[in-house]
Amino acid sequence: LHRRRHSFPTRRSSDLCPFCKVQNPKLEKLLKANKSKGLEVLALSIDKNAAEVPKYMQQHGYTFNAAMMTPEWQRVLGDVKGLPVIWVIGRDGKVKQVESGELLDEDVAELARWL
């Protein structure tokens, strides 16, 4: 993470989480509006079936990256309760902001301030 040249929100979610389903389109919109400024989004799924994650992403047309939450990611990001969780990692590789629970449109848009 410390070698990234871009600022990016990293989120923990589940395909079955209703709050995640509401927030994902907001993150996609944020990404499209700020990708040229260096924004990257990485979704870390806690779902049991890793094969379902790419299907879910494709089915909904999401272009942000997705992977499974691993013990390694957990060690780096720490343990935060709730879903979804967003960690904003700055260009310097440090966590700048952590949000747990559903964010409103204006809250998601404000994540761009870290660019």
PDB file of N, CA and C in Angstrom:
ATOM      1  N   LEU A   1       0.801  -1.196   0.000  1.00  0.00           N
ATOM      2  CA  LEU A   1       0.000   0.000   0.000  1.00  0.00           C
ATOM      3  C   LEU A   1       0.847   1.264   0.000  1.00  0.00           C
ATOM      4  N   HIS A   2       1.988   1.244   0.630  1.00  0.00           N
ATOM      5  CA  HIS A   2       2.783   2.462   0.756  1.00  0.00           C
ATOM      6  C   HIS A   2       3.396   2.919  -0.565  1.00  0.00           C
ATOM      7  N   ARG A   3       3.388   2.086  -1.584  1.00  0.00           N
ATOM      8  CA  ARG A   3       3.972   2.466  -2.866  1.00  0.00           C
ATOM      9  C   ARG A   3       2.964   3.035  -3.841  1.00  0.00           C
ATOM     10  N   ARG A   4       1.729   3.104  -3.469  1.00  0.00           N
ATOM     11  CA  ARG A   4       0.685   3.645  -4.338  1.00  0.00           C
ATOM     12  C   ARG A   4       0.940   5.115  -4.608  1.00  0.00           C
ATOM     13  N   ARG A   5       0.682   5.528  -5.828  1.00  0.00           N
ATOM     14  CA  ARG A   5       0.764   6.938  -6.174  1.00  0.00           C
ATOM     15  C   ARG A   5      -0.608   7.589  -6.108  1.00  0.00           C
ATOM     16  N   HIS A   6      -1.605   6.806  -5.829  1.00  0.00           N
ATOM     17  CA  HIS A   6      -2.974   7.292  -5.851  1.00  0.00           C
ATOM     18  C   HIS A   6      -3.607   7.158  -4.479  1.00  0.00           C
ATOM     19  N   SER A   7      -4.613   7.972  -4.262  1.00  0.00           N
ATOM     20  CA  SER A   7      -5.423   7.868  -3.063  1.00  0.00           C
ATOM     21  C   SER A   7      -6.614   6.980  -3.386  1.00  0.00           C
ATOM     22  N   PHE A   8      -6.971   6.093  -2.471  1.00  0.00           N
ATOM     23  CA  PHE A   8      -8.112   5.255  -2.805  1.00  0.00           C
ATOM     24  C   PHE A   8      -8.859   4.754  -1.587  1.00  0.00           C
ATOM     25  N   PRO A   9     -10.197   4.744  -1.735  1.00  0.00           N
ATOM     26  CA  PRO A   9     -10.990   4.094  -0.702  1.00  0.00           C
ATOM     27  C   PRO A   9     -10.907   2.580  -0.871  1.00  0.00           C
ATOM     28  N   THR A  10     -10.763   1.907   0.221  1.00  0.00           N
ATOM     29  CA  THR A  10     -10.828   0.452   0.250  1.00  0.00           C
ATOM     30  C   THR A  10     -12.030   0.122   1.110  1.00  0.00           C
ATOM     31  N   ARG A  11     -12.857  -0.796   0.655  1.00  0.00           N
ATOM     32  CA  ARG A  11     -14.069  -1.069   1.409  1.00  0.00           C
ATOM     33  C   ARG A  11     -14.228  -2.554   1.654  1.00  0.00           C
ATOM     34  N   ARG A  12     -14.795  -2.873   2.809  1.00  0.00           N
ATOM     35  CA  ARG A  12     -15.156  -4.251   3.144  1.00  0.00           C
ATOM     36  C   ARG A  12     -16.660  -4.341   2.989  1.00  0.00           C
ATOM     37  N   SER A  13     -17.106  -5.385   2.277  1.00  0.00           N
ATOM     38  CA  SER A  13     -18.531  -5.491   2.016  1.00  0.00           C
ATOM     39  C   SER A  13     -18.931  -6.944   1.820  1.00  0.00           C
ATOM     40  N   SER A  14     -20.224  -7.116   1.625  1.00  0.00           N
ATOM     41  CA  SER A  14     -20.797  -8.420   1.325  1.00  0.00           C
ATOM     42  C   SER A  14     -21.844  -8.226   0.246  1.00  0.00           C
ATOM     43  N   ASP A  15     -21.905  -9.169  -0.686  1.00  0.00           N
ATOM     44  CA  ASP A  15     -22.904  -9.087  -1.751  1.00  0.00           C
ATOM     45  C   ASP A  15     -24.318  -9.136  -1.193  1.00  0.00           C
ATOM     46  N   LEU A  16     -24.482  -9.691  -0.004  1.00  0.00           N
ATOM     47  CA  LEU A  16     -25.798  -9.827   0.601  1.00  0.00           C
ATOM     48  C   LEU A  16     -26.174  -8.638   1.487  1.00  0.00           C
ATOM     49  N   CYS A  17     -25.258  -7.758   1.760  1.00  0.00           N
ATOM     50  CA  CYS A  17     -25.474  -6.616   2.642  1.00  0.00           C
ATOM     51  C   CYS A  17     -26.298  -5.542   1.934  1.00  0.00           C
ATOM     52  N   PRO A  18     -27.478  -5.197   2.462  1.00  0.00           N
ATOM     53  CA  PRO A  18     -28.311  -4.190   1.790  1.00  0.00           C
ATOM     54  C   PRO A  18     -27.662  -2.808   1.758  1.00  0.00           C
ATOM     55  N   PHE A  19     -26.907  -2.439   2.788  1.00  0.00           N
ATOM     56  CA  PHE A  19     -26.236  -1.141   2.798  1.00  0.00           C
ATOM     57  C   PHE A  19     -25.132  -1.085   1.750  1.00  0.00           C
ATOM     58  N   CYS A  20     -24.448  -2.212   1.560  1.00  0.00           N
ATOM     59  CA  CYS A  20     -23.396  -2.290   0.544  1.00  0.00           C
ATOM     60  C   CYS A  20     -23.994  -2.120  -0.845  1.00  0.00           C
ATOM     61  N   LYS A  21     -25.131  -2.735  -1.067  1.00  0.00           N
ATOM     62  CA  LYS A  21     -25.793  -2.641  -2.373  1.00  0.00           C
ATOM     63  C   LYS A  21     -26.196  -1.211  -2.695  1.00  0.00           C
ATOM     64  N   VAL A  22     -26.530  -0.426  -1.683  1.00  0.00           N
ATOM     65  CA  VAL A  22     -26.881   0.980  -1.887  1.00  0.00           C
ATOM     66  C   VAL A  22     -25.625   1.819  -2.109  1.00  0.00           C
ATOM     67  N   GLN A  23     -24.562   1.478  -1.414  1.00  0.00           N
ATOM     68  CA  GLN A  23     -23.343   2.287  -1.465  1.00  0.00           C
ATOM     69  C   GLN A  23     -22.484   2.013  -2.702  1.00  0.00           C
ATOM     70  N   ASN A  24     -22.519   0.815  -3.237  1.00  0.00           N
ATOM     71  CA  ASN A  24     -21.677   0.477  -4.390  1.00  0.00           C
ATOM     72  C   ASN A  24     -21.879   1.410  -5.579  1.00  0.00           C
ATOM     73  N   PRO A  25     -23.111   1.730  -5.987  1.00  0.00           N
ATOM     74  CA  PRO A  25     -23.269   2.667  -7.107  1.00  0.00           C
ATOM     75  C   PRO A  25     -22.684   4.048  -6.804  1.00  0.00           C
ATOM     76  N   LYS A  26     -22.732   4.453  -5.558  1.00  0.00           N
ATOM     77  CA  LYS A  26     -22.154   5.744  -5.170  1.00  0.00           C
ATOM     78  C   LYS A  26     -20.640   5.721  -5.341  1.00  0.00           C
ATOM     79  N   LEU A  27     -20.010   4.605  -4.974  1.00  0.00           N
ATOM     80  CA  LEU A  27     -18.562   4.480  -5.144  1.00  0.00           C
ATOM     81  C   LEU A  27     -18.179   4.414  -6.618  1.00  0.00           C
ATOM     82  N   GLU A  28     -19.006   3.753  -7.416  1.00  0.00           N
ATOM     83  CA  GLU A  28     -18.751   3.699  -8.860  1.00  0.00           C
ATOM     84  C   GLU A  28     -18.819   5.104  -9.458  1.00  0.00           C
ATOM     85  N   LYS A  29     -19.806   5.886  -9.042  1.00  0.00           N
ATOM     86  CA  LYS A  29     -19.940   7.268  -9.518  1.00  0.00           C
ATOM     87  C   LYS A  29     -18.734   8.104  -9.095  1.00  0.00           C
ATOM     88  N   LEU A  30     -18.307   7.945  -7.850  1.00  0.00           N
ATOM     89  CA  LEU A  30     -17.127   8.653  -7.351  1.00  0.00           C
ATOM     90  C   LEU A  30     -15.893   8.294  -8.166  1.00  0.00           C
ATOM     91  N   LEU A  31     -15.739   7.010  -8.453  1.00  0.00           N
ATOM     92  CA  LEU A  31     -14.593   6.556  -9.243  1.00  0.00           C
ATOM     93  C   LEU A  31     -14.601   7.177 -10.633  1.00  0.00           C
ATOM     94  N   LYS A  32     -15.744   7.128 -11.302  1.00  0.00           N
ATOM     95  CA  LYS A  32     -15.817   7.666 -12.668  1.00  0.00           C
ATOM     96  C   LYS A  32     -15.524   9.162 -12.701  1.00  0.00           C
ATOM     97  N   ALA A  33     -15.951   9.882 -11.663  1.00  0.00           N
ATOM     98  CA  ALA A  33     -15.732  11.329 -11.621  1.00  0.00           C
ATOM     99  C   ALA A  33     -14.295  11.699 -11.267  1.00  0.00           C
ATOM    100  N   ASN A  34     -13.559  10.779 -10.647  1.00  0.00           N
ATOM    101  CA  ASN A  34     -12.232  11.133 -10.124  1.00  0.00           C
ATOM    102  C   ASN A  34     -11.096  10.221 -10.550  1.00  0.00           C
ATOM    103  N   LYS A  35     -11.358   9.287 -11.432  1.00  0.00           N
ATOM    104  CA  LYS A  35     -10.306   8.355 -11.855  1.00  0.00           C
ATOM    105  C   LYS A  35      -9.130   9.086 -12.495  1.00  0.00           C
ATOM    106  N   SER A  36      -9.428  10.118 -13.277  1.00  0.00           N
ATOM    107  CA  SER A  36      -8.361  10.859 -13.950  1.00  0.00           C
ATOM    108  C   SER A  36      -7.475  11.615 -12.958  1.00  0.00           C
ATOM    109  N   LYS A  37      -7.967  11.793 -11.731  1.00  0.00           N
ATOM    110  CA  LYS A  37      -7.195  12.467 -10.684  1.00  0.00           C
ATOM    111  C   LYS A  37      -6.392  11.477  -9.850  1.00  0.00           C
ATOM    112  N   GLY A  38      -6.496  10.188 -10.193  1.00  0.00           N
ATOM    113  CA  GLY A  38      -5.722   9.178  -9.489  1.00  0.00           C
ATOM    114  C   GLY A  38      -6.503   8.349  -8.496  1.00  0.00           C
ATOM    115  N   LEU A  39      -7.819   8.499  -8.466  1.00  0.00           N
ATOM    116  CA  LEU A  39      -8.613   7.720  -7.527  1.00  0.00           C
ATOM    117  C   LEU A  39      -8.696   6.263  -7.949  1.00  0.00           C
ATOM    118  N   GLU A  40      -8.548   5.383  -6.987  1.00  0.00           N
ATOM    119  CA  GLU A  40      -8.744   3.947  -7.180  1.00  0.00           C
ATOM    120  C   GLU A  40      -9.670   3.465  -6.081  1.00  0.00           C
ATOM    121  N   VAL A  41     -10.506   2.488  -6.382  1.00  0.00           N
ATOM    122  CA  VAL A  41     -11.388   1.884  -5.387  1.00  0.00           C
ATOM    123  C   VAL A  41     -11.126   0.391  -5.389  1.00  0.00           C
ATOM    124  N   LEU A  42     -10.985  -0.167  -4.207  1.00  0.00           N
ATOM    125  CA  LEU A  42     -10.799  -1.603  -4.045  1.00  0.00           C
ATOM    126  C   LEU A  42     -11.856  -2.101  -3.079  1.00  0.00           C
ATOM    127  N   ALA A  43     -12.694  -3.021  -3.523  1.00  0.00           N
ATOM    128  CA  ALA A  43     -13.693  -3.652  -2.659  1.00  0.00           C
ATOM    129  C   ALA A  43     -13.121  -4.961  -2.144  1.00  0.00           C
ATOM    130  N   LEU A  44     -13.206  -5.158  -0.840  1.00  0.00           N
ATOM    131  CA  LEU A  44     -12.749  -6.397  -0.217  1.00  0.00           C
ATOM    132  C   LEU A  44     -13.976  -7.121   0.310  1.00  0.00           C
ATOM    133  N   SER A  45     -14.300  -8.220  -0.300  1.00  0.00           N
ATOM    134  CA  SER A  45     -15.505  -8.964   0.036  1.00  0.00           C
ATOM    135  C   SER A  45     -15.268  -9.924   1.190  1.00  0.00           C
ATOM    136  N   ILE A  46     -16.265 -10.028   2.061  1.00  0.00           N
ATOM    137  CA  ILE A  46     -16.215 -11.019   3.144  1.00  0.00           C
ATOM    138  C   ILE A  46     -17.155 -12.183   2.850  1.00  0.00           C
ATOM    139  N   ASP A  47     -17.685 -12.242   1.644  1.00  0.00           N
ATOM    140  CA  ASP A  47     -18.570 -13.337   1.267  1.00  0.00           C
ATOM    141  C   ASP A  47     -17.835 -14.660   1.330  1.00  0.00           C
ATOM    142  N   LYS A  48     -18.552 -15.730   1.522  1.00  0.00           N
ATOM    143  CA  LYS A  48     -17.963 -17.069   1.647  1.00  0.00           C
ATOM    144  C   LYS A  48     -17.483 -17.627   0.310  1.00  0.00           C
ATOM    145  N   ASN A  49     -18.174 -17.296  -0.775  1.00  0.00           N
ATOM    146  CA  ASN A  49     -17.877 -17.871  -2.080  1.00  0.00           C
ATOM    147  C   ASN A  49     -17.166 -16.849  -2.968  1.00  0.00           C
ATOM    148  N   ALA A  50     -15.853 -16.990  -3.093  1.00  0.00           N
ATOM    149  CA  ALA A  50     -15.054 -16.052  -3.885  1.00  0.00           C
ATOM    150  C   ALA A  50     -15.472 -16.022  -5.348  1.00  0.00           C
ATOM    151  N   ALA A  51     -15.997 -17.111  -5.864  1.00  0.00           N
ATOM    152  CA  ALA A  51     -16.406 -17.164  -7.271  1.00  0.00           C
ATOM    153  C   ALA A  51     -17.589 -16.255  -7.555  1.00  0.00           C
ATOM    154  N   GLU A  52     -18.344 -15.891  -6.536  1.00  0.00           N
ATOM    155  CA  GLU A  52     -19.513 -15.031  -6.730  1.00  0.00           C
ATOM    156  C   GLU A  52     -19.142 -13.555  -6.893  1.00  0.00           C
ATOM    157  N   VAL A  53     -17.984 -13.163  -6.397  1.00  0.00           N
ATOM    158  CA  VAL A  53     -17.595 -11.753  -6.418  1.00  0.00           C
ATOM    159  C   VAL A  53     -17.477 -11.207  -7.845  1.00  0.00           C
ATOM    160  N   PRO A  54     -16.724 -11.845  -8.747  1.00  0.00           N
ATOM    161  CA  PRO A  54     -16.647 -11.311 -10.103  1.00  0.00           C
ATOM    162  C   PRO A  54     -18.010 -11.305 -10.811  1.00  0.00           C
ATOM    163  N   LYS A  55     -18.827 -12.300 -10.524  1.00  0.00           N
ATOM    164  CA  LYS A  55     -20.171 -12.343 -11.117  1.00  0.00           C
ATOM    165  C   LYS A  55     -20.986 -11.142 -10.666  1.00  0.00           C
ATOM    166  N   TYR A  56     -20.937 -10.857  -9.379  1.00  0.00           N
ATOM    167  CA  TYR A  56     -21.665  -9.717  -8.820  1.00  0.00           C
ATOM    168  C   TYR A  56     -21.171  -8.412  -9.452  1.00  0.00           C
ATOM    169  N   MET A  57     -19.867  -8.243  -9.547  1.00  0.00           N
ATOM    170  CA  MET A  57     -19.292  -7.024 -10.121  1.00  0.00           C
ATOM    171  C   MET A  57     -19.731  -6.845 -11.564  1.00  0.00           C
ATOM    172  N   GLN A  58     -19.667  -7.908 -12.339  1.00  0.00           N
ATOM    173  CA  GLN A  58     -20.056  -7.845 -13.746  1.00  0.00           C
ATOM    174  C   GLN A  58     -21.554  -7.599 -13.894  1.00  0.00           C
ATOM    175  N   GLN A  59     -22.350  -8.285 -13.106  1.00  0.00           N
ATOM    176  CA  GLN A  59     -23.805  -8.153 -13.171  1.00  0.00           C
ATOM    177  C   GLN A  59     -24.248  -6.707 -12.933  1.00  0.00           C
ATOM    178  N   HIS A  60     -23.531  -6.001 -12.080  1.00  0.00           N
ATOM    179  CA  HIS A  60     -23.906  -4.626 -11.745  1.00  0.00           C
ATOM    180  C   HIS A  60     -23.095  -3.578 -12.500  1.00  0.00           C
ATOM    181  N   GLY A  61     -22.160  -4.004 -13.336  1.00  0.00           N
ATOM    182  CA  GLY A  61     -21.381  -3.075 -14.150  1.00  0.00           C
ATOM    183  C   GLY A  61     -20.369  -2.256 -13.370  1.00  0.00           C
ATOM    184  N   TYR A  62     -19.896  -2.774 -12.240  1.00  0.00           N
ATOM    185  CA  TYR A  62     -18.916  -2.033 -11.453  1.00  0.00           C
ATOM    186  C   TYR A  62     -17.536  -2.198 -12.064  1.00  0.00           C
ATOM    187  N   THR A  63     -16.806  -1.101 -12.138  1.00  0.00           N
ATOM    188  CA  THR A  63     -15.477  -1.123 -12.750  1.00  0.00           C
ATOM    189  C   THR A  63     -14.356  -1.037 -11.715  1.00  0.00           C
ATOM    190  N   PHE A  64     -14.712  -0.848 -10.425  1.00  0.00           N
ATOM    191  CA  PHE A  64     -13.652  -0.806  -9.420  1.00  0.00           C
ATOM    192  C   PHE A  64     -13.155  -2.219  -9.137  1.00  0.00           C
ATOM    193  N   ASN A  65     -11.958  -2.303  -8.616  1.00  0.00           N
ATOM    194  CA  ASN A  65     -11.337  -3.591  -8.332  1.00  0.00           C
ATOM    195  C   ASN A  65     -12.016  -4.266  -7.144  1.00  0.00           C
ATOM    196  N   ALA A  66     -11.987  -5.584  -7.145  1.00  0.00           N
ATOM    197  CA  ALA A  66     -12.559  -6.347  -6.039  1.00  0.00           C
ATOM    198  C   ALA A  66     -11.677  -7.555  -5.754  1.00  0.00           C
ATOM    199  N   ALA A  67     -11.591  -7.886  -4.486  1.00  0.00           N
ATOM    200  CA  ALA A  67     -10.822  -9.046  -4.038  1.00  0.00           C
ATOM    201  C   ALA A  67     -11.479  -9.552  -2.756  1.00  0.00           C
ATOM    202  N   MET A  68     -10.973 -10.641  -2.257  1.00  0.00           N
ATOM    203  CA  MET A  68     -11.484 -11.171  -1.010  1.00  0.00           C
ATOM    204  C   MET A  68     -10.701 -10.581   0.169  1.00  0.00           C
ATOM    205  N   MET A  69     -11.402 -10.333   1.265  1.00  0.00           N
ATOM    206  CA  MET A  69     -10.740  -9.918   2.506  1.00  0.00           C
ATOM    207  C   MET A  69      -9.922 -11.109   2.990  1.00  0.00           C
ATOM    208  N   THR A  70      -8.665 -10.878   3.261  1.00  0.00           N
ATOM    209  CA  THR A  70      -7.764 -11.933   3.720  1.00  0.00           C
ATOM    210  C   THR A  70      -7.204 -11.548   5.088  1.00  0.00           C
ATOM    211  N   PRO A  71      -6.612 -12.493   5.778  1.00  0.00           N
ATOM    212  CA  PRO A  71      -5.961 -12.129   7.050  1.00  0.00           C
ATOM    213  C   PRO A  71      -4.883 -11.053   6.868  1.00  0.00           C
ATOM    214  N   GLU A  72      -4.214 -11.066   5.726  1.00  0.00           N
ATOM    215  CA  GLU A  72      -3.186 -10.054   5.460  1.00  0.00           C
ATOM    216  C   GLU A  72      -3.800  -8.667   5.375  1.00  0.00           C
ATOM    217  N   TRP A  73      -4.914  -8.542   4.609  1.00  0.00           N
ATOM    218  CA  TRP A  73      -5.615  -7.252   4.519  1.00  0.00           C
ATOM    219  C   TRP A  73      -6.103  -6.839   5.899  1.00  0.00           C
ATOM    220  N   GLN A  74      -6.627  -7.776   6.660  1.00  0.00           N
ATOM    221  CA  GLN A  74      -7.145  -7.478   7.996  1.00  0.00           C
ATOM    222  C   GLN A  74      -6.056  -6.921   8.890  1.00  0.00           C
ATOM    223  N   ARG A  75      -4.849  -7.505   8.810  1.00  0.00           N
ATOM    224  CA  ARG A  75      -3.730  -7.010   9.614  1.00  0.00           C
ATOM    225  C   ARG A  75      -3.371  -5.580   9.225  1.00  0.00           C
ATOM    226  N   VAL A  76      -3.366  -5.289   7.934  1.00  0.00           N
ATOM    227  CA  VAL A  76      -3.000  -3.960   7.444  1.00  0.00           C
ATOM    228  C   VAL A  76      -4.056  -2.922   7.808  1.00  0.00           C
ATOM    229  N   LEU A  77      -5.329  -3.271   7.618  1.00  0.00           N
ATOM    230  CA  LEU A  77      -6.408  -2.304   7.784  1.00  0.00           C
ATOM    231  C   LEU A  77      -6.962  -2.232   9.201  1.00  0.00           C
ATOM    232  N   GLY A  78      -6.737  -3.267   9.972  1.00  0.00           N
ATOM    233  CA  GLY A  78      -7.283  -3.283  11.324  1.00  0.00           C
ATOM    234  C   GLY A  78      -8.703  -3.813  11.333  1.00  0.00           C
ATOM    235  N   ASP A  79      -9.226  -3.986  12.515  1.00  0.00           N
ATOM    236  CA  ASP A  79     -10.557  -4.553  12.660  1.00  0.00           C
ATOM    237  C   ASP A  79     -11.554  -3.456  13.004  1.00  0.00           C
ATOM    238  N   VAL A  80     -12.494  -3.232  12.116  1.00  0.00           N
ATOM    239  CA  VAL A  80     -13.556  -2.263  12.326  1.00  0.00           C
ATOM    240  C   VAL A  80     -14.869  -3.023  12.203  1.00  0.00           C
ATOM    241  N   LYS A  81     -15.759  -2.821  13.141  1.00  0.00           N
ATOM    242  CA  LYS A  81     -17.046  -3.516  13.123  1.00  0.00           C
ATOM    243  C   LYS A  81     -18.009  -2.820  12.170  1.00  0.00           C
ATOM    244  N   GLY A  82     -18.907  -3.613  11.574  1.00  0.00           N
ATOM    245  CA  GLY A  82     -19.957  -3.068  10.718  1.00  0.00           C
ATOM    246  C   GLY A  82     -19.715  -3.345   9.254  1.00  0.00           C
ATOM    247  N   LEU A  83     -20.724  -3.059   8.472  1.00  0.00           N
ATOM    248  CA  LEU A  83     -20.676  -3.169   7.007  1.00  0.00           C
ATOM    249  C   LEU A  83     -21.507  -2.054   6.409  1.00  0.00           C
ATOM    250  N   PRO A  84     -21.104  -1.513   5.324  1.00  0.00           N
ATOM    251  CA  PRO A  84     -19.758  -1.587   4.764  1.00  0.00           C
ATOM    252  C   PRO A  84     -18.789  -0.744   5.591  1.00  0.00           C
ATOM    253  N   VAL A  85     -17.513  -0.997   5.398  1.00  0.00           N
ATOM    254  CA  VAL A  85     -16.464  -0.189   6.013  1.00  0.00           C
ATOM    255  C   VAL A  85     -15.620   0.388   4.888  1.00  0.00           C
ATOM    256  N   ILE A  86     -15.308   1.664   5.000  1.00  0.00           N
ATOM    257  CA  ILE A  86     -14.441   2.311   4.008  1.00  0.00           C
ATOM    258  C   ILE A  86     -13.195   2.811   4.725  1.00  0.00           C
ATOM    259  N   TRP A  87     -12.047   2.419   4.209  1.00  0.00           N
ATOM    260  CA  TRP A  87     -10.767   2.958   4.639  1.00  0.00           C
ATOM    261  C   TRP A  87     -10.259   3.814   3.487  1.00  0.00           C
ATOM    262  N   VAL A  88      -9.930   5.063   3.734  1.00  0.00           N
ATOM    263  CA  VAL A  88      -9.323   5.910   2.708  1.00  0.00           C
ATOM    264  C   VAL A  88      -7.828   5.898   2.957  1.00  0.00           C
ATOM    265  N   ILE A  89      -7.104   5.426   1.960  1.00  0.00           N
ATOM    266  CA  ILE A  89      -5.653   5.334   2.048  1.00  0.00           C
ATOM    267  C   ILE A  89      -5.072   6.419   1.156  1.00  0.00           C
ATOM    268  N   GLY A  90      -4.286   7.289   1.733  1.00  0.00           N
ATOM    269  CA  GLY A  90      -3.725   8.421   1.007  1.00  0.00           C
ATOM    270  C   GLY A  90      -2.572   8.029   0.110  1.00  0.00           C
ATOM    271  N   ARG A  91      -2.108   9.008  -0.628  1.00  0.00           N
ATOM    272  CA  ARG A  91      -0.983   8.792  -1.542  1.00  0.00           C
ATOM    273  C   ARG A  91       0.274   8.362  -0.790  1.00  0.00           C
ATOM    274  N   ASP A  92       0.332   8.720   0.477  1.00  0.00           N
ATOM    275  CA  ASP A  92       1.495   8.357   1.288  1.00  0.00           C
ATOM    276  C   ASP A  92       1.371   6.957   1.885  1.00  0.00           C
ATOM    277  N   GLY A  93       0.269   6.251   1.579  1.00  0.00           N
ATOM    278  CA  GLY A  93       0.072   4.899   2.066  1.00  0.00           C
ATOM    279  C   GLY A  93      -0.513   4.810   3.462  1.00  0.00           C
ATOM    280  N   LYS A  94      -0.849   5.943   4.053  1.00  0.00           N
ATOM    281  CA  LYS A  94      -1.405   5.957   5.400  1.00  0.00           C
ATOM    282  C   LYS A  94      -2.930   6.059   5.354  1.00  0.00           C
ATOM    283  N   VAL A  95      -3.573   5.432   6.330  1.00  0.00           N
ATOM    284  CA  VAL A  95      -5.032   5.509   6.431  1.00  0.00           C
ATOM    285  C   VAL A  95      -5.401   6.927   6.848  1.00  0.00           C
ATOM    286  N   LYS A  96      -6.232   7.570   6.040  1.00  0.00           N
ATOM    287  CA  LYS A  96      -6.648   8.953   6.273  1.00  0.00           C
ATOM    288  C   LYS A  96      -8.016   9.054   6.926  1.00  0.00           C
ATOM    289  N   GLN A  97      -8.879   8.077   6.642  1.00  0.00           N
ATOM    290  CA  GLN A  97     -10.249   8.141   7.141  1.00  0.00           C
ATOM    291  C   GLN A  97     -10.809   6.727   7.190  1.00  0.00           C
ATOM    292  N   VAL A  98     -11.618   6.442   8.196  1.00  0.00           N
ATOM    293  CA  VAL A  98     -12.313   5.160   8.305  1.00  0.00           C
ATOM    294  C   VAL A  98     -13.782   5.468   8.583  1.00  0.00           C
ATOM    295  N   GLU A  99     -14.666   4.865   7.801  1.00  0.00           N
ATOM    296  CA  GLU A  99     -16.111   5.043   7.973  1.00  0.00           C
ATOM    297  C   GLU A  99     -16.767   3.679   8.029  1.00  0.00           C
ATOM    298  N   SER A 100     -17.636   3.480   8.995  1.00  0.00           N
ATOM    299  CA  SER A 100     -18.371   2.228   9.118  1.00  0.00           C
ATOM    300  C   SER A 100     -19.860   2.516   8.974  1.00  0.00           C
ATOM    301  N   GLY A 101     -20.524   1.718   8.157  1.00  0.00           N
ATOM    302  CA  GLY A 101     -21.953   1.911   7.909  1.00  0.00           C
ATOM    303  C   GLY A 101     -22.189   2.638   6.595  1.00  0.00           C
ATOM    304  N   GLU A 102     -23.442   2.706   6.220  1.00  0.00           N
ATOM    305  CA  GLU A 102     -23.803   3.325   4.945  1.00  0.00           C
ATOM    306  C   GLU A 102     -23.518   4.820   4.962  1.00  0.00           C
ATOM    307  N   LEU A 103     -22.926   5.312   3.879  1.00  0.00           N
ATOM    308  CA  LEU A 103     -22.659   6.741   3.723  1.00  0.00           C
ATOM    309  C   LEU A 103     -23.705   7.361   2.809  1.00  0.00           C
ATOM    310  N   LEU A 104     -24.076   8.591   3.097  1.00  0.00           N
ATOM    311  CA  LEU A 104     -24.972   9.344   2.230  1.00  0.00           C
ATOM    312  C   LEU A 104     -24.212   9.805   0.991  1.00  0.00           C
ATOM    313  N   ASP A 105     -24.933  10.236  -0.024  1.00  0.00           N
ATOM    314  CA  ASP A 105     -24.305  10.688  -1.275  1.00  0.00           C
ATOM    315  C   ASP A 105     -23.218  11.725  -1.016  1.00  0.00           C
ATOM    316  N   GLU A 106     -23.538  12.720  -0.196  1.00  0.00           N
ATOM    317  CA  GLU A 106     -22.573  13.796   0.052  1.00  0.00           C
ATOM    318  C   GLU A 106     -21.354  13.290   0.830  1.00  0.00           C
ATOM    319  N   ASP A 107     -21.536  12.278   1.671  1.00  0.00           N
ATOM    320  CA  ASP A 107     -20.404  11.699   2.397  1.00  0.00           C
ATOM    321  C   ASP A 107     -19.450  10.982   1.442  1.00  0.00           C
ATOM    322  N   VAL A 108     -20.016  10.248   0.493  1.00  0.00           N
ATOM    323  CA  VAL A 108     -19.189   9.545  -0.498  1.00  0.00           C
ATOM    324  C   VAL A 108     -18.466  10.560  -1.374  1.00  0.00           C
ATOM    325  N   ALA A 109     -19.165  11.585  -1.828  1.00  0.00           N
ATOM    326  CA  ALA A 109     -18.540  12.610  -2.674  1.00  0.00           C
ATOM    327  C   ALA A 109     -17.385  13.283  -1.955  1.00  0.00           C
ATOM    328  N   GLU A 110     -17.511  13.468  -0.641  1.00  0.00           N
ATOM    329  CA  GLU A 110     -16.479  14.128   0.125  1.00  0.00           C
ATOM    330  C   GLU A 110     -15.190  13.308   0.248  1.00  0.00           C
ATOM    331  N   LEU A 111     -15.254  12.014  -0.023  1.00  0.00           N
ATOM    332  CA  LEU A 111     -14.035  11.193   0.019  1.00  0.00           C
ATOM    333  C   LEU A 111     -13.004  11.690  -0.985  1.00  0.00           C
ATOM    334  N   ALA A 112     -13.450  12.376  -2.029  1.00  0.00           N
ATOM    335  CA  ALA A 112     -12.536  12.886  -3.057  1.00  0.00           C
ATOM    336  C   ALA A 112     -11.602  13.957  -2.505  1.00  0.00           C
ATOM    337  N   ARG A 113     -11.896  14.482  -1.333  1.00  0.00           N
ATOM    338  CA  ARG A 113     -11.021  15.532  -0.781  1.00  0.00           C
ATOM    339  C   ARG A 113      -9.607  15.037  -0.507  1.00  0.00           C
ATOM    340  N   TRP A 114      -9.449  13.723  -0.418  1.00  0.00           N
ATOM    341  CA  TRP A 114      -8.135  13.150  -0.132  1.00  0.00           C
ATOM    342  C   TRP A 114      -7.261  13.026  -1.382  1.00  0.00           C
ATOM    343  N   LEU A 115      -7.789  13.368  -2.539  1.00  0.00           N
ATOM    344  CA  LEU A 115      -6.987  13.278  -3.771  1.00  0.00           C
ATOM    345  C   LEU A 115      -5.941  14.351  -3.827  1.00  0.00           C
TER     346      LEU A 115
END
